[in-house]
Amino acid sequence: MTHNTSRTLRAAESLSADRREGRSARSRAQRSTARARFDAYLALTKPRVIELLLVATLPVMFLASRGVPDWRLALVTLIGGFLEAGSANTFNCVIDADIDQKMRRTRRRPMPRHVVAPRNAVVFGVLLGLVGTLLLGLGANWLSAGLAVGANLFYVLVYSLVLKRRTWQNTIWGGIAGCFPPLIGWTAVTGRVSWEPLVLFALVFFWTPPHTWALGLRYREDYAAGGVPMLPVVRDAVPVCVQILVYTVVTVATSLVLWPVAPMNWLYPAVCLVAGAVFIAEAVQLLRRARAGLRDAQLKPMRLFHWSNTYLSLVFLAVAIDPLLP
């Protein structure tokens, strides 16, 4: 009798343990599913791309304030800008799903893997845009909000739907959407557009082609497979590298225009000259490798691509620090 009772108790305990383990496993599975869904929606916003946009927003707020901007205004502007840019990138992911599926570099994005339904992605993009607009409009001003909406619409309607699949100049004119952050940061502080942010707008405009074409040289076959007529796809490497060098020189020259316009202290022009010299040197070396007959990965275009990121970050960091100097 006692023996049977003991066996019954052990069986009950075992059953209870199995149930707890089952609930724990289901809980882990639910958490894993929720995390995977969160990661998928976050990936739609292309956060690494947005990082560069924010790099061009906050420093301009320091310049407009001639010192440290109000932290609440800065936070609202950055979050609103992130949401607006995330909205535009989400719509781009939906529009480019067929292209991304053909390219090795992008086929792991959520839309080609069918992790997020197109309808859900569109709703997500609309919500991000609405919240970002309201946040900028109510937390900063409606001029900043309007500029952010304009950048969003330009990226989606002009670049993604019209330019990207039709012309090698897609990067040149489509890049205008990425030039708006300096304007948004400046107007958030001042409530008006001035020459200072327009110079920085032009700086980002001229910086975008060499930055993107370097990536296009590395993944030329990918873009060709996706049917995207990037300049490296429709032109030989040498003329592409010539264009990269020309735009790089113009970028560095444009950066120096801010020195008398702002006006800036000694730090900003010093950073522009040193970082710009390296940028131009990388472009020259890239052209030399192209003229030597090297192609694709052998060209080492990612050296220029990565330095272009560093260059832009250093220049805008100088924009933020320079006004703090005595």
Protein backbone atom coordinates (compact mmCIF):
# COMPACT_ATOMS: atom_id res chain seq x y z
CA MET A 1 0.00 0.00 0.00
CA THR A 2 2.75 2.38 1.00
CA HIS A 3 4.76 1.27 -1.99
CA ASN A 4 1.86 1.98 -4.35
CA THR A 5 1.29 5.39 -2.77
CA SER A 6 4.94 6.29 -3.25
CA ARG A 7 4.77 5.28 -6.87
CA THR A 8 1.64 7.38 -7.35
CA LEU A 9 3.28 10.40 -5.75
CA ARG A 10 6.35 10.04 -7.92
CA ALA A 11 4.18 9.75 -11.02
CA ALA A 12 2.26 12.87 -10.02
CA GLU A 13 5.45 14.78 -9.37
CA SER A 14 6.84 13.64 -12.71
CA LEU A 15 3.65 14.70 -14.48
CA SER A 16 3.76 18.08 -12.73
CA ALA A 17 7.40 18.55 -13.69
CA ASP A 18 6.58 17.67 -17.31
CA ARG A 19 3.79 20.23 -17.30
CA ARG A 20 6.08 22.91 -15.87
CA GLU A 21 8.72 22.06 -18.42
CA GLY A 22 6.10 22.22 -21.15
CA ARG A 23 4.89 25.65 -19.99
CA SER A 24 8.49 26.84 -19.76
CA ALA A 25 9.23 25.58 -23.28
CA ARG A 26 6.11 27.30 -24.64
CA SER A 27 7.08 30.50 -22.84
CA ARG A 28 10.57 30.37 -24.33
CA ALA A 29 9.13 29.70 -27.77
CA GLN A 30 6.75 32.65 -27.43
CA ARG A 31 9.58 34.93 -26.32
CA SER A 32 11.72 33.71 -29.19
CA THR A 33 8.90 34.32 -31.67
CA ALA A 34 8.24 37.78 -30.27
CA ARG A 35 11.94 38.63 -30.44
CA ALA A 36 12.18 37.39 -34.02
CA ARG A 37 9.14 39.48 -34.98
CA PHE A 38 10.60 42.55 -33.27
CA ASP A 39 13.94 42.05 -35.04
CA ALA A 40 12.17 41.69 -38.40
CA TYR A 41 10.24 44.94 -38.02
CA LEU A 42 13.35 46.72 -36.77
CA ALA A 43 15.27 45.45 -39.81
CA LEU A 44 12.64 47.04 -42.08
CA THR A 45 13.70 50.46 -40.78
CA LYS A 46 17.35 49.85 -41.79
CA PRO A 47 18.79 51.19 -38.51
CA ARG A 48 22.38 51.24 -39.78
CA VAL A 49 21.34 53.63 -42.55
CA ILE A 50 19.50 55.82 -40.04
CA GLU A 51 22.63 56.10 -37.90
CA LEU A 52 24.24 58.22 -40.61
CA LEU A 53 21.12 60.40 -40.84
CA LEU A 54 21.20 61.07 -37.11
CA VAL A 55 24.91 61.88 -37.34
CA ALA A 56 23.91 64.72 -39.67
CA THR A 57 21.09 65.95 -37.39
CA LEU A 58 22.35 66.34 -33.82
CA PRO A 59 25.63 68.19 -34.58
CA VAL A 60 23.71 70.82 -36.56
CA MET A 61 21.57 71.43 -33.49
CA PHE A 62 24.78 72.30 -31.60
CA LEU A 63 25.74 74.67 -34.41
CA ALA A 64 22.30 76.31 -34.47
CA SER A 65 22.37 76.73 -30.69
CA ARG A 66 26.01 77.90 -30.73
CA GLY A 67 26.41 75.51 -27.83
CA VAL A 68 24.59 72.58 -26.26
CA PRO A 69 20.97 72.37 -27.44
CA ASP A 70 18.07 71.69 -25.09
CA TRP A 71 18.25 67.95 -24.42
CA ARG A 72 14.47 67.48 -24.62
CA LEU A 73 14.31 69.15 -28.01
CA ALA A 74 17.29 67.12 -29.21
CA LEU A 75 15.70 63.87 -28.02
CA VAL A 76 12.37 64.62 -29.68
CA THR A 77 14.09 65.60 -32.92
CA LEU A 78 16.23 62.46 -33.02
CA ILE A 79 13.36 60.11 -32.21
CA GLY A 80 11.05 61.85 -34.67
CA GLY A 81 13.75 61.75 -37.34
CA PHE A 82 14.39 58.07 -36.65
CA LEU A 83 10.70 57.25 -37.04
CA GLU A 84 10.34 59.25 -40.26
CA ALA A 85 13.44 57.68 -41.80
CA GLY A 86 12.32 54.25 -40.58
CA SER A 87 8.99 54.81 -42.28
CA ALA A 88 10.64 55.66 -45.60
CA ASN A 89 12.97 52.66 -45.35
CA THR A 90 10.07 50.34 -44.57
CA PHE A 91 8.20 51.44 -47.71
CA ASN A 92 11.43 51.01 -49.66
CA CYS A 93 11.74 47.42 -48.40
CA VAL A 94 8.21 46.68 -49.62
CA ILE A 95 8.80 48.27 -53.03
CA ASP A 96 12.21 46.61 -53.49
CA ALA A 97 11.23 43.14 -52.25
CA ASP A 98 11.65 41.62 -55.72
CA ILE A 99 15.06 43.26 -56.16
CA ASP A 100 16.26 42.29 -52.69
CA GLN A 101 15.31 38.67 -53.36
CA LYS A 102 17.70 38.52 -56.33
CA MET A 103 20.68 40.11 -54.56
CA ARG A 104 22.94 38.12 -52.23
CA ARG A 105 23.60 41.22 -50.12
CA THR A 106 19.91 41.82 -49.42
CA ARG A 107 18.13 38.49 -49.72
CA ARG A 108 18.18 38.01 -45.92
CA ARG A 109 16.01 41.08 -45.36
CA PRO A 110 12.53 40.47 -43.93
CA MET A 111 10.51 40.93 -47.13
CA PRO A 112 12.44 38.45 -49.33
CA ARG A 113 12.25 35.90 -46.50
CA HIS A 114 8.49 36.55 -46.17
CA VAL A 115 8.89 37.14 -42.44
CA VAL A 116 6.61 40.19 -42.59
CA ALA A 117 3.52 40.36 -44.78
CA PRO A 118 3.52 43.30 -47.25
CA ARG A 119 0.27 44.66 -45.83
CA ASN A 120 1.65 44.59 -42.30
CA ALA A 121 4.83 46.32 -43.44
CA VAL A 122 2.83 49.08 -45.14
CA VAL A 123 0.73 49.63 -42.00
CA PHE A 124 3.93 49.69 -39.94
CA GLY A 125 5.47 52.27 -42.27
CA VAL A 126 2.38 54.49 -42.11
CA LEU A 127 2.30 54.34 -38.31
CA LEU A 128 5.99 55.21 -38.04
CA GLY A 129 5.50 58.18 -40.36
CA LEU A 130 2.45 59.47 -38.52
CA VAL A 131 4.04 59.20 -35.08
CA GLY A 132 7.28 60.75 -36.32
CA THR A 133 5.43 63.68 -37.89
CA LEU A 134 3.37 64.37 -34.79
CA LEU A 135 6.41 64.07 -32.55
CA LEU A 136 8.40 66.56 -34.63
CA GLY A 137 5.48 68.90 -35.12
CA LEU A 138 4.40 69.04 -31.48
CA GLY A 139 7.83 68.61 -29.89
CA ALA A 140 9.89 70.82 -32.23
CA ASN A 141 7.93 72.73 -34.88
CA TRP A 142 5.87 72.03 -37.97
CA LEU A 143 8.57 73.28 -40.34
CA SER A 144 10.86 70.48 -39.16
CA ALA A 145 7.98 68.01 -39.40
CA GLY A 146 7.18 69.17 -42.94
CA LEU A 147 10.80 68.78 -44.04
CA ALA A 148 10.88 65.24 -42.61
CA VAL A 149 7.66 64.34 -44.44
CA GLY A 150 9.08 65.83 -47.64
CA ALA A 151 12.22 63.72 -47.33
CA ASN A 152 10.08 60.64 -46.68
CA LEU A 153 7.87 61.22 -49.72
CA PHE A 154 10.85 62.02 -51.97
CA TYR A 155 12.64 58.82 -50.99
CA VAL A 156 9.57 56.65 -51.52
CA LEU A 157 7.83 58.27 -54.50
CA VAL A 158 10.74 59.73 -56.47
CA TYR A 159 13.71 57.48 -55.66
CA SER A 160 12.16 54.08 -54.89
CA LEU A 161 9.30 54.14 -57.41
CA VAL A 162 10.80 56.16 -60.27
CA LEU A 163 14.57 56.64 -60.27
CA LYS A 164 16.07 53.47 -58.85
CA ARG A 165 15.05 51.10 -61.64
CA ARG A 166 15.23 53.56 -64.54
CA THR A 167 18.46 55.58 -64.54
CA TRP A 168 22.09 55.39 -63.46
CA GLN A 169 21.57 58.83 -61.92
CA ASN A 170 19.33 57.25 -59.28
CA THR A 171 21.95 57.72 -56.59
CA ILE A 172 22.64 61.36 -57.49
CA TRP A 173 19.08 62.64 -57.35
CA GLY A 174 17.65 60.00 -55.06
CA GLY A 175 20.29 60.96 -52.51
CA ILE A 176 18.49 64.27 -51.97
CA ALA A 177 16.25 62.53 -49.43
CA GLY A 178 19.28 61.83 -47.24
CA CYS A 179 20.32 65.50 -47.31
CA PHE A 180 17.39 66.73 -45.20
CA PRO A 181 18.71 65.91 -41.67
CA PRO A 182 20.86 69.07 -41.43
CA LEU A 183 17.81 71.15 -42.35
CA ILE A 184 15.64 69.31 -39.83
CA GLY A 185 18.18 69.72 -37.03
CA TRP A 186 18.67 73.42 -37.76
CA THR A 187 14.97 74.29 -38.08
CA ALA A 188 14.15 72.36 -34.90
CA VAL A 189 16.29 74.89 -33.02
CA THR A 190 15.76 78.09 -35.01
CA GLY A 191 12.40 77.61 -36.72
CA ARG A 192 13.81 78.83 -40.04
CA VAL A 193 16.10 77.77 -42.89
CA SER A 194 19.49 79.49 -43.20
CA TRP A 195 22.62 79.23 -45.33
CA GLU A 196 24.46 77.07 -42.79
CA PRO A 197 22.21 74.00 -43.11
CA LEU A 198 21.96 74.53 -46.87
CA VAL A 199 25.76 74.23 -47.14
CA LEU A 200 25.61 70.99 -45.14
CA PHE A 201 22.69 69.84 -47.32
CA ALA A 202 24.97 70.32 -50.34
CA LEU A 203 27.81 68.54 -48.55
CA VAL A 204 25.72 65.40 -48.05
CA PHE A 205 24.39 65.68 -51.62
CA PHE A 206 27.89 65.57 -53.15
CA TRP A 207 29.09 62.96 -50.62
CA THR A 208 26.36 60.44 -51.47
CA PRO A 209 27.44 59.39 -55.00
CA PRO A 210 31.05 58.36 -54.20
CA HIS A 211 29.84 56.64 -51.03
CA THR A 212 27.18 54.64 -52.90
CA TRP A 213 29.15 54.01 -56.08
CA ALA A 214 31.97 52.49 -54.05
CA LEU A 215 29.45 49.99 -52.69
CA GLY A 216 28.17 49.49 -56.23
CA LEU A 217 31.67 48.63 -57.46
CA ARG A 218 31.96 45.92 -54.80
CA TYR A 219 28.50 44.46 -55.47
CA ARG A 220 28.25 45.22 -59.19
CA GLU A 221 27.09 41.72 -60.08
CA ASP A 222 24.47 41.86 -57.35
CA TYR A 223 22.99 45.10 -58.64
CA ALA A 224 23.08 43.76 -62.19
CA ALA A 225 21.20 40.63 -61.09
CA GLY A 226 18.61 42.83 -59.40
CA GLY A 227 18.16 44.94 -62.51
CA VAL A 228 19.31 48.15 -60.82
CA PRO A 229 21.18 50.38 -63.33
CA MET A 230 23.75 51.68 -60.87
CA LEU A 231 26.62 53.57 -62.52
CA PRO A 232 29.09 50.69 -61.85
CA VAL A 233 26.65 48.36 -63.66
CA VAL A 234 26.29 50.45 -66.84
CA ARG A 235 29.83 51.89 -67.02
CA ASP A 236 33.33 50.46 -66.86
CA ALA A 237 35.27 50.79 -63.60
CA VAL A 238 37.60 53.57 -64.81
CA PRO A 239 34.93 56.18 -65.67
CA VAL A 240 33.09 55.28 -62.46
CA CYS A 241 36.22 55.91 -60.41
CA VAL A 242 36.78 59.20 -62.24
CA GLN A 243 33.28 60.25 -61.22
CA ILE A 244 33.97 59.15 -57.66
CA LEU A 245 37.13 61.28 -57.55
CA VAL A 246 35.33 64.33 -58.98
CA TYR A 247 32.47 64.11 -56.47
CA THR A 248 34.92 63.52 -53.64
CA VAL A 249 36.88 66.69 -54.46
CA VAL A 250 33.65 68.69 -54.71
CA THR A 251 32.50 67.24 -51.37
CA VAL A 252 35.66 68.36 -49.59
CA ALA A 253 35.50 71.81 -51.23
CA THR A 254 31.84 72.18 -50.19
CA SER A 255 32.66 71.30 -46.59
CA LEU A 256 35.05 74.27 -46.41
CA VAL A 257 32.33 76.70 -47.53
CA LEU A 258 30.78 76.42 -44.06
CA TRP A 259 33.92 77.92 -42.50
CA PRO A 260 33.17 81.54 -43.52
CA VAL A 261 29.38 81.09 -43.69
CA ALA A 262 28.82 79.91 -40.10
CA PRO A 263 31.50 81.24 -39.15
CA MET A 264 33.51 78.42 -37.62
CA ASN A 265 36.59 78.28 -35.38
CA TRP A 266 39.87 76.56 -36.27
CA LEU A 267 38.77 72.98 -35.46
CA TYR A 268 36.21 72.57 -38.22
CA PRO A 269 38.42 73.56 -41.19
CA ALA A 270 41.31 71.54 -39.75
CA VAL A 271 39.17 68.39 -39.58
CA CYS A 272 37.76 69.04 -43.07
CA LEU A 273 41.24 69.42 -44.55
CA VAL A 274 42.77 66.34 -42.89
CA ALA A 275 39.79 64.02 -43.28
CA GLY A 276 39.16 65.37 -46.77
CA ALA A 277 42.76 64.75 -47.81
CA VAL A 278 42.43 61.11 -46.80
CA PHE A 279 39.09 60.86 -48.62
CA ILE A 280 40.61 62.26 -51.83
CA ALA A 281 43.68 60.01 -51.47
CA GLU A 282 41.43 56.94 -51.22
CA ALA A 283 39.57 58.04 -54.35
CA VAL A 284 42.87 58.53 -56.21
CA GLN A 285 44.10 55.08 -55.17
CA LEU A 286 40.79 53.56 -56.27
CA LEU A 287 41.17 55.16 -59.71
CA ARG A 288 44.74 53.87 -59.97
CA ARG A 289 43.62 50.32 -59.20
CA ALA A 290 40.87 50.61 -61.82
CA ARG A 291 43.35 51.82 -64.45
CA ALA A 292 45.57 48.86 -63.56
CA GLY A 293 42.76 46.56 -64.69
CA LEU A 294 41.43 45.47 -61.30
CA ARG A 295 37.68 44.91 -60.98
CA ASP A 296 34.98 44.27 -58.38
CA ALA A 297 36.39 43.10 -55.01
CA GLN A 298 39.98 43.37 -56.29
CA LEU A 299 39.46 47.12 -56.59
CA LYS A 300 39.07 47.28 -52.80
CA PRO A 301 36.25 49.84 -53.11
CA MET A 302 35.07 49.11 -49.57
CA ARG A 303 38.13 51.00 -48.29
CA LEU A 304 36.68 54.18 -49.72
CA PHE A 305 33.16 53.20 -48.68
CA HIS A 306 34.13 52.76 -45.03
CA TRP A 307 36.30 55.87 -45.01
CA SER A 308 33.45 57.89 -46.49
CA ASN A 309 31.38 56.95 -43.42
CA THR A 310 34.24 57.97 -41.15
CA TYR A 311 34.77 61.20 -43.08
CA LEU A 312 31.14 62.29 -42.74
CA SER A 313 31.10 61.39 -39.04
CA LEU A 314 34.30 63.37 -38.37
CA VAL A 315 33.08 66.44 -40.25
CA PHE A 316 29.76 66.54 -38.42
CA LEU A 317 31.48 65.83 -35.11
CA ALA A 318 33.58 68.92 -35.79
CA VAL A 319 30.36 70.81 -36.55
CA ALA A 320 29.13 69.93 -33.04
CA ILE A 321 32.38 70.58 -31.15
CA ASP A 322 33.54 73.74 -32.94
CA PRO A 323 30.84 76.04 -31.46
CA LEU A 324 31.82 74.89 -27.95
CA LEU A 325 35.38 76.21 -28.36
CA PRO A 326 36.23 79.62 -26.87
